[in-house]
Amino acid sequence: MELVCVAQFNNPVEANIAKGMLENNDIPSILDNETIVSVLPMPSAIGGVRLMVRKEDYDQALELLKKHDDLNH
């Protein structure tokens, strides 16, 4: 199973909200760098919290994130 990054967040709370929304729509996901971002003073230095989904779920996940305005701009 290949995972791809569908969105990045500087704030773990926002990342968890987006993750929950995807999971409520039957799209499994994981958060990468969540713990590191919580303790680093500059989370953007490592790319923030990455919301990862299965490659085959990417398009649907991106569409849902855009629809719910959950993308980090």
Protein backbone atom coordinates (compact mmCIF):
# COMPACT_ATOMS: atom_id res chain seq x y z
CA MET A 1 0.00 0.00 0.00
CA GLU A 2 1.50 3.31 -1.08
CA LEU A 3 0.77 6.43 0.97
CA VAL A 4 0.85 9.95 -0.46
CA CYS A 5 0.65 13.36 1.17
CA VAL A 6 -2.68 15.06 0.43
CA ALA A 7 -2.15 18.14 2.66
CA GLN A 8 0.28 19.74 5.11
CA PHE A 9 -0.54 21.67 8.27
CA ASN A 10 1.55 23.76 10.67
CA ASN A 11 -0.89 22.99 13.48
CA PRO A 12 -1.57 19.41 14.69
CA VAL A 13 -5.10 20.39 15.74
CA GLU A 14 -6.02 21.46 12.20
CA ALA A 15 -4.44 18.28 10.83
CA ASN A 16 -6.51 16.13 13.19
CA ILE A 17 -9.72 17.92 12.17
CA ALA A 18 -9.00 17.23 8.51
CA LYS A 19 -8.06 13.62 9.32
CA GLY A 20 -11.35 13.13 11.16
CA MET A 21 -13.33 14.56 8.26
CA LEU A 22 -11.65 12.14 5.84
CA GLU A 23 -12.22 9.19 8.13
CA ASN A 24 -15.90 10.17 8.51
CA ASN A 25 -16.05 9.82 4.72
CA ASP A 26 -14.46 6.35 4.81
CA ILE A 27 -11.00 7.48 3.73
CA PRO A 28 -8.37 6.08 6.10
CA SER A 29 -5.47 8.41 6.81
CA ILE A 30 -2.48 8.92 9.07
CA LEU A 31 -0.58 11.96 10.29
CA ASP A 32 3.17 12.13 9.72
CA ASN A 33 5.40 14.40 11.87
CA GLU A 34 2.59 15.12 14.35
CA THR A 35 4.74 14.61 17.46
CA ILE A 36 7.77 16.44 16.07
CA VAL A 37 5.69 19.47 15.08
CA SER A 38 4.23 19.60 18.59
CA VAL A 39 7.67 20.14 20.14
CA LEU A 40 9.54 22.15 17.50
CA PRO A 41 9.35 25.93 17.59
CA MET A 42 9.33 26.16 13.76
CA PRO A 43 7.16 23.33 12.36
CA SER A 44 7.43 24.66 8.81
CA ALA A 45 11.15 23.80 8.86
CA ILE A 46 10.26 20.11 8.51
CA GLY A 47 7.19 20.58 6.32
CA GLY A 48 4.61 20.56 9.10
CA VAL A 49 2.17 17.75 9.82
CA ARG A 50 1.58 15.71 6.68
CA LEU A 51 -1.85 14.15 6.12
CA MET A 52 -1.23 10.86 4.34
CA VAL A 53 -3.77 8.78 2.42
CA ARG A 54 -3.63 5.72 0.19
CA LYS A 55 -2.65 6.59 -3.35
CA GLU A 56 -5.98 5.33 -4.67
CA ASP A 57 -7.87 7.66 -2.25
CA TYR A 58 -5.87 10.80 -3.12
CA ASP A 59 -8.28 12.41 -5.60
CA GLN A 60 -11.36 11.87 -3.43
CA ALA A 61 -9.51 13.07 -0.32
CA LEU A 62 -8.28 16.22 -2.06
CA GLU A 63 -11.78 16.97 -3.32
CA LEU A 64 -13.24 16.60 0.18
CA LEU A 65 -10.52 18.77 1.74
CA LYS A 66 -11.17 21.51 -0.82
CA LYS A 67 -14.94 21.24 -0.36
CA HIS A 68 -14.63 21.61 3.42
CA ASP A 69 -11.90 24.27 3.16
CA ASP A 70 -9.52 22.13 5.22
CA LEU A 71 -6.45 22.77 3.10
CA ASN A 72 -3.65 24.82 4.59
CA HIS A 73 -3.24 27.90 2.37
